[in-house]
Amino acid sequence: MKKALLFIPLVLFLILGIAFYSQLGKNTQYMPSALIGQKVPAFNLISLNSDQIITQDDLPNTPYLINFWGTWCPACHVEHPFLTTLADDGVVIVGIDYKDEKALAKQWLEEKGDPYLMVLMDEIGHFGVDMGITGAPETFVVNSSGAIVYRLQGVVSESNWSTIQGYLK
């Protein structure tokens, strides 16, 4: 019996080794979302430009992106020019100004350009929690039926655009 106990560390080591080996080569940037295949959660957010309350019923009926961003976010500064290019090419983007101040957001868009169909304020971050985001930037692809079909944690860029674009169809 005592000799059998000596093999427990070896067995545990082998199990851990197999678990770690099975993860090799997987995309560490991909973070699945529990919302894939579901509608955008209900919300009531204030429009940055009109101060009107916007709900999920006001979202586009065509495929679009929901992009969480903030003026405080260094990666959002990197992402913004590419989002502007996408908007110029006809991609519909709904911006969610996440945990930010209204005046700073308005100034940011005046200086850098506004690629968004609409910008909604999530000052406290409740909608971000409902969407399961971990920070900014984070982007979701929503299909024409209003269901979330893809989530990207990080910067939308030329290198990942072909993947995102595939979900916009």
N, C-alpha and C. Protein backbone atom coordinates (compact mmCIF):
# COMPACT_ATOMS: atom_id res chain seq x y z
N MET A 1 0.83 -1.20 0.00
CA MET A 1 0.00 0.00 0.00
C MET A 1 0.86 1.25 0.00
N LYS A 2 1.93 1.26 0.82
CA LYS A 2 2.80 2.44 0.89
C LYS A 2 3.53 2.68 -0.43
N LYS A 3 3.86 1.59 -1.15
CA LYS A 3 4.53 1.74 -2.44
C LYS A 3 3.58 2.37 -3.46
N ALA A 4 2.31 2.06 -3.37
CA ALA A 4 1.32 2.63 -4.29
C ALA A 4 1.19 4.14 -4.08
N LEU A 5 1.32 4.60 -2.85
CA LEU A 5 1.24 6.03 -2.55
C LEU A 5 2.39 6.81 -3.19
N LEU A 6 3.52 6.14 -3.40
CA LEU A 6 4.67 6.80 -4.02
C LEU A 6 4.40 7.16 -5.48
N PHE A 7 3.46 6.47 -6.12
CA PHE A 7 3.15 6.73 -7.52
C PHE A 7 2.15 7.87 -7.72
N ILE A 8 1.52 8.34 -6.66
CA ILE A 8 0.53 9.42 -6.78
C ILE A 8 1.15 10.69 -7.39
N PRO A 9 2.32 11.15 -6.93
CA PRO A 9 2.91 12.34 -7.57
C PRO A 9 3.19 12.13 -9.07
N LEU A 10 3.66 10.95 -9.42
CA LEU A 10 3.94 10.66 -10.82
C LEU A 10 2.65 10.70 -11.65
N VAL A 11 1.59 10.11 -11.16
CA VAL A 11 0.31 10.11 -11.86
C VAL A 11 -0.21 11.54 -12.02
N LEU A 12 -0.14 12.34 -10.95
CA LEU A 12 -0.57 13.75 -11.02
C LEU A 12 0.27 14.53 -12.03
N PHE A 13 1.57 14.29 -12.04
CA PHE A 13 2.45 14.96 -12.99
C PHE A 13 2.07 14.59 -14.43
N LEU A 14 1.78 13.34 -14.68
CA LEU A 14 1.39 12.91 -16.02
C LEU A 14 0.06 13.54 -16.44
N ILE A 15 -0.89 13.60 -15.53
CA ILE A 15 -2.19 14.22 -15.84
C ILE A 15 -2.01 15.69 -16.19
N LEU A 16 -1.22 16.41 -15.38
CA LEU A 16 -0.96 17.83 -15.66
C LEU A 16 -0.22 18.00 -16.98
N GLY A 17 0.74 17.13 -17.25
CA GLY A 17 1.49 17.19 -18.50
C GLY A 17 0.59 17.02 -19.71
N ILE A 18 -0.34 16.07 -19.63
CA ILE A 18 -1.28 15.84 -20.72
C ILE A 18 -2.20 17.06 -20.90
N ALA A 19 -2.67 17.62 -19.79
CA ALA A 19 -3.54 18.80 -19.86
C ALA A 19 -2.81 19.98 -20.51
N PHE A 20 -1.57 20.24 -20.10
CA PHE A 20 -0.81 21.35 -20.67
C PHE A 20 -0.48 21.09 -22.15
N TYR A 21 -0.12 19.86 -22.48
CA TYR A 21 0.21 19.53 -23.86
C TYR A 21 -1.00 19.72 -24.78
N SER A 22 -2.19 19.39 -24.28
CA SER A 22 -3.39 19.54 -25.12
C SER A 22 -3.69 20.99 -25.44
N GLN A 23 -3.16 21.93 -24.67
CA GLN A 23 -3.40 23.35 -24.91
C GLN A 23 -2.38 23.99 -25.86
N LEU A 24 -1.31 23.29 -26.16
CA LEU A 24 -0.29 23.84 -27.06
C LEU A 24 -0.87 24.12 -28.44
N GLY A 25 -0.51 25.25 -29.01
CA GLY A 25 -0.94 25.60 -30.35
C GLY A 25 -2.31 26.24 -30.43
N LYS A 26 -3.00 26.35 -29.32
CA LYS A 26 -4.31 26.98 -29.34
C LYS A 26 -4.15 28.49 -29.31
N ASN A 27 -5.13 29.20 -29.86
CA ASN A 27 -5.10 30.66 -29.93
C ASN A 27 -5.36 31.23 -28.54
N THR A 28 -4.32 31.78 -27.94
CA THR A 28 -4.45 32.31 -26.58
C THR A 28 -5.16 33.66 -26.55
N GLN A 29 -5.33 34.30 -27.71
CA GLN A 29 -6.02 35.58 -27.77
C GLN A 29 -7.54 35.41 -27.84
N TYR A 30 -7.99 34.22 -28.27
CA TYR A 30 -9.42 34.01 -28.43
C TYR A 30 -10.06 33.79 -27.06
N MET A 31 -11.09 34.55 -26.81
CA MET A 31 -11.81 34.42 -25.56
C MET A 31 -13.28 34.25 -25.89
N PRO A 32 -13.81 33.03 -25.72
CA PRO A 32 -15.19 32.81 -26.10
C PRO A 32 -16.15 33.65 -25.26
N SER A 33 -17.33 33.84 -25.76
CA SER A 33 -18.34 34.60 -25.04
C SER A 33 -19.56 33.72 -24.83
N ALA A 34 -20.14 33.81 -23.64
CA ALA A 34 -21.36 33.06 -23.36
C ALA A 34 -22.53 33.61 -24.17
N LEU A 35 -22.35 34.78 -24.77
CA LEU A 35 -23.44 35.42 -25.52
C LEU A 35 -23.49 35.02 -27.00
N ILE A 36 -22.51 34.24 -27.46
CA ILE A 36 -22.51 33.84 -28.87
C ILE A 36 -23.81 33.12 -29.18
N GLY A 37 -24.49 33.59 -30.23
CA GLY A 37 -25.77 33.00 -30.63
C GLY A 37 -26.97 33.63 -29.94
N GLN A 38 -26.73 34.53 -29.00
CA GLN A 38 -27.83 35.19 -28.30
C GLN A 38 -27.97 36.63 -28.74
N LYS A 39 -29.13 37.19 -28.48
CA LYS A 39 -29.39 38.60 -28.79
C LYS A 39 -28.56 39.49 -27.88
N VAL A 40 -28.32 40.72 -28.34
CA VAL A 40 -27.65 41.72 -27.50
C VAL A 40 -28.53 41.93 -26.26
N PRO A 41 -27.92 41.90 -25.07
CA PRO A 41 -28.72 42.07 -23.84
C PRO A 41 -29.46 43.41 -23.82
N ALA A 42 -30.58 43.42 -23.12
CA ALA A 42 -31.38 44.65 -22.99
C ALA A 42 -30.55 45.73 -22.29
N PHE A 43 -30.74 46.96 -22.73
CA PHE A 43 -30.03 48.09 -22.11
C PHE A 43 -30.81 49.37 -22.31
N ASN A 44 -30.48 50.35 -21.49
CA ASN A 44 -30.94 51.74 -21.63
C ASN A 44 -29.71 52.60 -21.43
N LEU A 45 -29.17 53.12 -22.53
CA LEU A 45 -27.97 53.95 -22.46
C LEU A 45 -28.25 55.31 -23.09
N ILE A 46 -27.51 56.30 -22.65
CA ILE A 46 -27.66 57.66 -23.17
C ILE A 46 -26.76 57.83 -24.39
N SER A 47 -27.32 58.43 -25.43
CA SER A 47 -26.54 58.76 -26.62
C SER A 47 -25.59 59.90 -26.30
N LEU A 48 -24.36 59.78 -26.72
CA LEU A 48 -23.36 60.82 -26.48
C LEU A 48 -23.76 62.13 -27.14
N ASN A 49 -24.31 62.06 -28.33
CA ASN A 49 -24.58 63.28 -29.10
C ASN A 49 -25.95 63.90 -28.86
N SER A 50 -26.96 63.07 -28.56
CA SER A 50 -28.30 63.63 -28.46
C SER A 50 -28.89 63.61 -27.05
N ASP A 51 -28.23 62.96 -26.13
CA ASP A 51 -28.71 62.80 -24.75
C ASP A 51 -30.03 62.03 -24.69
N GLN A 52 -30.40 61.34 -25.75
CA GLN A 52 -31.60 60.51 -25.75
C GLN A 52 -31.27 59.14 -25.16
N ILE A 53 -32.28 58.48 -24.61
CA ILE A 53 -32.11 57.12 -24.13
C ILE A 53 -32.26 56.18 -25.32
N ILE A 54 -31.28 55.33 -25.49
CA ILE A 54 -31.26 54.37 -26.59
C ILE A 54 -31.40 52.97 -25.98
N THR A 55 -32.18 52.12 -26.64
CA THR A 55 -32.34 50.74 -26.21
C THR A 55 -31.88 49.81 -27.32
N GLN A 56 -31.90 48.52 -27.04
CA GLN A 56 -31.50 47.54 -28.06
C GLN A 56 -32.41 47.59 -29.27
N ASP A 57 -33.63 48.10 -29.12
CA ASP A 57 -34.54 48.23 -30.26
C ASP A 57 -34.07 49.28 -31.27
N ASP A 58 -33.18 50.17 -30.85
CA ASP A 58 -32.67 51.23 -31.72
C ASP A 58 -31.42 50.82 -32.49
N LEU A 59 -30.94 49.60 -32.26
CA LEU A 59 -29.74 49.13 -32.94
C LEU A 59 -30.05 48.79 -34.40
N PRO A 60 -29.03 48.79 -35.26
CA PRO A 60 -29.26 48.52 -36.69
C PRO A 60 -29.88 47.15 -36.95
N ASN A 61 -30.56 47.03 -38.08
CA ASN A 61 -31.14 45.76 -38.51
C ASN A 61 -30.25 45.05 -39.52
N THR A 62 -29.06 45.56 -39.71
CA THR A 62 -28.07 44.95 -40.61
C THR A 62 -26.90 44.48 -39.75
N PRO A 63 -26.01 43.66 -40.29
CA PRO A 63 -24.83 43.27 -39.51
C PRO A 63 -24.01 44.50 -39.12
N TYR A 64 -23.47 44.49 -37.91
CA TYR A 64 -22.69 45.63 -37.42
C TYR A 64 -21.74 45.18 -36.32
N LEU A 65 -20.86 46.09 -35.96
CA LEU A 65 -19.93 45.86 -34.85
C LEU A 65 -20.37 46.68 -33.65
N ILE A 66 -20.19 46.12 -32.47
CA ILE A 66 -20.29 46.90 -31.22
C ILE A 66 -18.87 46.99 -30.70
N ASN A 67 -18.38 48.22 -30.57
CA ASN A 67 -17.00 48.44 -30.15
C ASN A 67 -16.97 49.19 -28.83
N PHE A 68 -16.44 48.54 -27.79
CA PHE A 68 -16.25 49.18 -26.49
C PHE A 68 -14.90 49.88 -26.51
N TRP A 69 -14.90 51.15 -26.14
CA TRP A 69 -13.67 51.96 -26.17
C TRP A 69 -13.73 52.99 -25.04
N GLY A 70 -12.61 53.62 -24.79
CA GLY A 70 -12.54 54.69 -23.81
C GLY A 70 -11.36 55.59 -24.09
N THR A 71 -11.48 56.83 -23.73
CA THR A 71 -10.38 57.77 -23.97
C THR A 71 -9.17 57.44 -23.09
N TRP A 72 -9.40 56.73 -22.02
CA TRP A 72 -8.35 56.33 -21.08
C TRP A 72 -7.57 55.12 -21.56
N CYS A 73 -8.00 54.50 -22.65
CA CYS A 73 -7.49 53.21 -23.11
C CYS A 73 -6.40 53.41 -24.18
N PRO A 74 -5.13 53.07 -23.88
CA PRO A 74 -4.06 53.24 -24.87
C PRO A 74 -4.29 52.43 -26.16
N ALA A 75 -4.79 51.21 -26.03
CA ALA A 75 -5.01 50.38 -27.22
C ALA A 75 -6.12 50.96 -28.10
N CYS A 76 -7.05 51.69 -27.49
CA CYS A 76 -8.14 52.31 -28.27
C CYS A 76 -7.58 53.40 -29.18
N HIS A 77 -6.53 54.07 -28.74
CA HIS A 77 -5.88 55.08 -29.58
C HIS A 77 -5.26 54.43 -30.81
N VAL A 78 -4.72 53.22 -30.62
CA VAL A 78 -4.11 52.48 -31.73
C VAL A 78 -5.18 52.00 -32.70
N GLU A 79 -6.31 51.54 -32.17
CA GLU A 79 -7.37 50.95 -32.97
C GLU A 79 -8.17 51.98 -33.77
N HIS A 80 -8.30 53.18 -33.25
CA HIS A 80 -9.23 54.17 -33.80
C HIS A 80 -9.04 54.49 -35.29
N PRO A 81 -7.81 54.69 -35.77
CA PRO A 81 -7.66 54.98 -37.21
C PRO A 81 -8.18 53.85 -38.11
N PHE A 82 -8.00 52.60 -37.68
CA PHE A 82 -8.50 51.49 -38.49
C PHE A 82 -10.03 51.45 -38.47
N LEU A 83 -10.63 51.75 -37.32
CA LEU A 83 -12.10 51.80 -37.26
C LEU A 83 -12.63 52.90 -38.18
N THR A 84 -11.93 54.01 -38.25
CA THR A 84 -12.32 55.11 -39.14
C THR A 84 -12.27 54.65 -40.60
N THR A 85 -11.25 53.92 -40.95
CA THR A 85 -11.13 53.38 -42.31
C THR A 85 -12.28 52.42 -42.61
N LEU A 86 -12.61 51.56 -41.63
CA LEU A 86 -13.72 50.63 -41.83
C LEU A 86 -15.04 51.37 -42.03
N ALA A 87 -15.26 52.39 -41.22
CA ALA A 87 -16.50 53.18 -41.34
C ALA A 87 -16.56 53.86 -42.71
N ASP A 88 -15.43 54.38 -43.17
CA ASP A 88 -15.38 55.00 -44.50
C ASP A 88 -15.70 53.99 -45.60
N ASP A 89 -15.40 52.71 -45.34
CA ASP A 89 -15.69 51.64 -46.30
C ASP A 89 -17.11 51.09 -46.15
N GLY A 90 -17.90 51.68 -45.24
CA GLY A 90 -19.30 51.27 -45.10
C GLY A 90 -19.61 50.30 -43.97
N VAL A 91 -18.63 49.97 -43.15
CA VAL A 91 -18.90 49.07 -42.02
C VAL A 91 -19.65 49.86 -40.95
N VAL A 92 -20.74 49.29 -40.46
CA VAL A 92 -21.55 49.94 -39.43
C VAL A 92 -20.97 49.57 -38.06
N ILE A 93 -20.65 50.61 -37.28
CA ILE A 93 -20.05 50.40 -35.97
C ILE A 93 -20.83 51.20 -34.93
N VAL A 94 -21.26 50.51 -33.88
CA VAL A 94 -21.89 51.17 -32.74
C VAL A 94 -20.82 51.26 -31.66
N GLY A 95 -20.54 52.47 -31.22
CA GLY A 95 -19.52 52.67 -30.20
C GLY A 95 -20.12 52.73 -28.81
N ILE A 96 -19.48 52.05 -27.88
CA ILE A 96 -19.87 52.13 -26.47
C ILE A 96 -18.70 52.77 -25.73
N ASP A 97 -18.91 54.02 -25.32
CA ASP A 97 -17.87 54.72 -24.56
C ASP A 97 -17.94 54.17 -23.14
N TYR A 98 -16.94 53.38 -22.80
CA TYR A 98 -16.95 52.55 -21.59
C TYR A 98 -16.21 53.23 -20.43
N LYS A 99 -16.95 53.43 -19.35
CA LYS A 99 -16.38 53.98 -18.11
C LYS A 99 -15.56 55.24 -18.38
N ASP A 100 -16.21 56.21 -18.98
CA ASP A 100 -15.52 57.41 -19.44
C ASP A 100 -16.37 58.63 -19.11
N GLU A 101 -15.79 59.79 -19.34
CA GLU A 101 -16.51 61.04 -19.14
C GLU A 101 -16.99 61.59 -20.48
N LYS A 102 -18.18 62.12 -20.47
CA LYS A 102 -18.82 62.60 -21.69
C LYS A 102 -17.98 63.66 -22.41
N ALA A 103 -17.48 64.64 -21.67
CA ALA A 103 -16.71 65.72 -22.29
C ALA A 103 -15.45 65.19 -22.96
N LEU A 104 -14.78 64.25 -22.30
CA LEU A 104 -13.56 63.67 -22.89
C LEU A 104 -13.89 62.88 -24.15
N ALA A 105 -15.00 62.15 -24.12
CA ALA A 105 -15.40 61.35 -25.29
C ALA A 105 -15.72 62.26 -26.48
N LYS A 106 -16.44 63.34 -26.22
CA LYS A 106 -16.78 64.27 -27.31
C LYS A 106 -15.52 64.88 -27.90
N GLN A 107 -14.59 65.29 -27.03
CA GLN A 107 -13.34 65.89 -27.49
C GLN A 107 -12.54 64.88 -28.33
N TRP A 108 -12.47 63.65 -27.87
CA TRP A 108 -11.75 62.56 -28.57
C TRP A 108 -12.28 62.41 -29.99
N LEU A 109 -13.61 62.35 -30.13
CA LEU A 109 -14.21 62.14 -31.45
C LEU A 109 -14.08 63.37 -32.35
N GLU A 110 -14.09 64.55 -31.75
CA GLU A 110 -13.86 65.76 -32.55
C GLU A 110 -12.44 65.79 -33.10
N GLU A 111 -11.48 65.38 -32.29
CA GLU A 111 -10.07 65.43 -32.70
C GLU A 111 -9.70 64.28 -33.64
N LYS A 112 -10.20 63.09 -33.38
CA LYS A 112 -9.76 61.91 -34.11
C LYS A 112 -10.72 61.47 -35.21
N GLY A 113 -11.93 62.03 -35.21
CA GLY A 113 -12.95 61.60 -36.16
C GLY A 113 -13.89 60.61 -35.49
N ASP A 114 -15.09 60.53 -36.01
CA ASP A 114 -16.13 59.69 -35.42
C ASP A 114 -16.53 58.59 -36.39
N PRO A 115 -16.05 57.36 -36.18
CA PRO A 115 -16.39 56.26 -37.08
C PRO A 115 -17.71 55.57 -36.74
N TYR A 116 -18.40 56.04 -35.71
CA TYR A 116 -19.56 55.32 -35.18
C TYR A 116 -20.89 55.82 -35.73
N LEU A 117 -21.79 54.89 -35.99
CA LEU A 117 -23.16 55.23 -36.35
C LEU A 117 -23.82 55.94 -35.18
N MET A 118 -23.55 55.44 -33.97
CA MET A 118 -24.02 56.05 -32.73
C MET A 118 -23.02 55.71 -31.64
N VAL A 119 -22.91 56.61 -30.67
CA VAL A 119 -22.04 56.38 -29.52
C VAL A 119 -22.92 56.42 -28.28
N LEU A 120 -22.86 55.35 -27.50
CA LEU A 120 -23.65 55.24 -26.29
C LEU A 120 -22.72 55.27 -25.08
N MET A 121 -23.18 55.93 -24.04
CA MET A 121 -22.37 56.10 -22.83
C MET A 121 -22.67 54.97 -21.83
N ASP A 122 -21.63 54.24 -21.47
CA ASP A 122 -21.72 53.22 -20.41
C ASP A 122 -20.79 53.67 -19.29
N GLU A 123 -21.17 54.77 -18.66
CA GLU A 123 -20.30 55.43 -17.68
C GLU A 123 -19.98 54.56 -16.47
N ILE A 124 -20.94 53.78 -16.02
CA ILE A 124 -20.73 52.95 -14.84
C ILE A 124 -20.21 51.57 -15.23
N GLY A 125 -20.52 51.12 -16.43
CA GLY A 125 -20.03 49.85 -16.92
C GLY A 125 -21.01 48.70 -16.80
N HIS A 126 -22.27 48.98 -16.51
CA HIS A 126 -23.26 47.90 -16.37
C HIS A 126 -23.46 47.13 -17.67
N PHE A 127 -23.55 47.85 -18.79
CA PHE A 127 -23.74 47.16 -20.07
C PHE A 127 -22.51 46.32 -20.40
N GLY A 128 -21.34 46.84 -20.09
CA GLY A 128 -20.11 46.07 -20.30
C GLY A 128 -20.13 44.77 -19.52
N VAL A 129 -20.61 44.82 -18.29
CA VAL A 129 -20.73 43.60 -17.48
C VAL A 129 -21.72 42.64 -18.13
N ASP A 130 -22.86 43.17 -18.59
CA ASP A 130 -23.87 42.33 -19.25
C ASP A 130 -23.31 41.66 -20.51
N MET A 131 -22.41 42.36 -21.19
CA MET A 131 -21.79 41.81 -22.41
C MET A 131 -20.60 40.91 -22.08
N GLY A 132 -20.16 40.92 -20.84
CA GLY A 132 -19.05 40.06 -20.44
C GLY A 132 -17.68 40.55 -20.83
N ILE A 133 -17.54 41.86 -21.01
CA ILE A 133 -16.24 42.36 -21.43
C ILE A 133 -15.26 42.39 -20.26
N THR A 134 -13.99 42.33 -20.60
CA THR A 134 -12.94 42.36 -19.59
C THR A 134 -12.18 43.68 -19.60
N GLY A 135 -12.45 44.52 -20.57
CA GLY A 135 -11.77 45.81 -20.70
C GLY A 135 -11.99 46.35 -22.09
N ALA A 136 -11.25 47.38 -22.39
CA ALA A 136 -11.37 47.98 -23.71
C ALA A 136 -10.01 47.94 -24.39
N PRO A 137 -9.96 47.85 -25.70
CA PRO A 137 -11.09 47.70 -26.61
C PRO A 137 -11.57 46.26 -26.66
N GLU A 138 -12.83 46.14 -26.92
CA GLU A 138 -13.44 44.83 -27.14
C GLU A 138 -14.55 45.03 -28.16
N THR A 139 -14.65 44.11 -29.11
CA THR A 139 -15.58 44.28 -30.22
C THR A 139 -16.40 43.01 -30.43
N PHE A 140 -17.67 43.21 -30.69
CA PHE A 140 -18.60 42.12 -30.97
C PHE A 140 -19.17 42.29 -32.36
N VAL A 141 -19.36 41.19 -33.06
CA VAL A 141 -20.04 41.20 -34.35
C VAL A 141 -21.47 40.75 -34.10
N VAL A 142 -22.42 41.55 -34.58
CA VAL A 142 -23.84 41.24 -34.43
C VAL A 142 -24.42 41.05 -35.82
N ASN A 143 -25.16 39.95 -36.01
CA ASN A 143 -25.73 39.69 -37.34
C ASN A 143 -27.04 40.45 -37.54
N SER A 144 -27.65 40.30 -38.71
CA SER A 144 -28.85 41.08 -39.04
C SER A 144 -30.06 40.71 -38.20
N SER A 145 -30.02 39.54 -37.53
CA SER A 145 -31.12 39.20 -36.62
C SER A 145 -30.87 39.69 -35.20
N GLY A 146 -29.76 40.38 -34.98
CA GLY A 146 -29.48 40.92 -33.65
C GLY A 146 -28.75 39.98 -32.72
N ALA A 147 -28.25 38.85 -33.27
CA ALA A 147 -27.53 37.88 -32.44
C ALA A 147 -26.02 38.14 -32.52
N ILE A 148 -25.37 37.96 -31.41
CA ILE A 148 -23.91 38.11 -31.34
C ILE A 148 -23.29 36.85 -31.94
N VAL A 149 -22.39 37.04 -32.91
CA VAL A 149 -21.80 35.88 -33.57
C VAL A 149 -20.28 35.77 -33.37
N TYR A 150 -19.66 36.83 -32.87
CA TYR A 150 -18.20 36.79 -32.67
C TYR A 150 -17.80 37.84 -31.65
N ARG A 151 -16.74 37.56 -30.93
CA ARG A 151 -16.18 38.49 -29.94
C ARG A 151 -14.68 38.57 -30.14
N LEU A 152 -14.16 39.79 -30.16
CA LEU A 152 -12.72 40.01 -30.23
C LEU A 152 -12.31 40.84 -29.02
N GLN A 153 -11.43 40.29 -28.24
CA GLN A 153 -10.86 41.03 -27.13
C GLN A 153 -9.54 41.61 -27.62
N GLY A 154 -9.46 42.94 -27.68
CA GLY A 154 -8.26 43.58 -28.17
C GLY A 154 -8.55 44.47 -29.36
N VAL A 155 -7.49 44.88 -30.01
CA VAL A 155 -7.53 45.85 -31.09
C VAL A 155 -8.03 45.23 -32.39
N VAL A 156 -9.00 45.89 -33.03
CA VAL A 156 -9.39 45.52 -34.39
C VAL A 156 -8.31 46.09 -35.30
N SER A 157 -7.74 45.22 -36.14
CA SER A 157 -6.63 45.66 -36.99
C SER A 157 -6.69 44.96 -38.34
N GLU A 158 -5.80 45.35 -39.21
CA GLU A 158 -5.74 44.72 -40.52
C GLU A 158 -5.47 43.23 -40.41
N SER A 159 -4.68 42.84 -39.42
CA SER A 159 -4.31 41.43 -39.29
C SER A 159 -5.47 40.54 -38.87
N ASN A 160 -6.45 41.06 -38.15
CA ASN A 160 -7.57 40.21 -37.73
C ASN A 160 -8.88 40.58 -38.44
N TRP A 161 -8.83 41.58 -39.32
CA TRP A 161 -10.04 42.03 -39.97
C TRP A 161 -10.67 40.96 -40.84
N SER A 162 -9.89 40.14 -41.53
CA SER A 162 -10.47 39.12 -42.42
C SER A 162 -11.32 38.13 -41.61
N THR A 163 -10.89 37.80 -40.40
CA THR A 163 -11.69 36.91 -39.54
C THR A 163 -12.98 37.59 -39.14
N ILE A 164 -12.89 38.83 -38.69
CA ILE A 164 -14.07 39.57 -38.26
C ILE A 164 -15.03 39.75 -39.43
N GLN A 165 -14.49 40.11 -40.57
CA GLN A 165 -15.30 40.37 -41.75
C GLN A 165 -16.09 39.13 -42.16
N GLY A 166 -15.52 37.96 -41.96
CA GLY A 166 -16.22 36.72 -42.27
C GLY A 166 -17.50 36.56 -41.47
N TYR A 167 -17.53 37.09 -40.26
CA TYR A 167 -18.72 37.01 -39.41
C TYR A 167 -19.75 38.08 -39.74
N LEU A 168 -19.36 39.12 -40.46
CA LEU A 168 -20.28 40.20 -40.81
C LEU A 168 -21.21 39.84 -41.97
N LYS A 169 -20.96 38.74 -42.61
CA LYS A 169 -21.75 38.35 -43.79
C LYS A 169 -23.14 37.91 -43.39
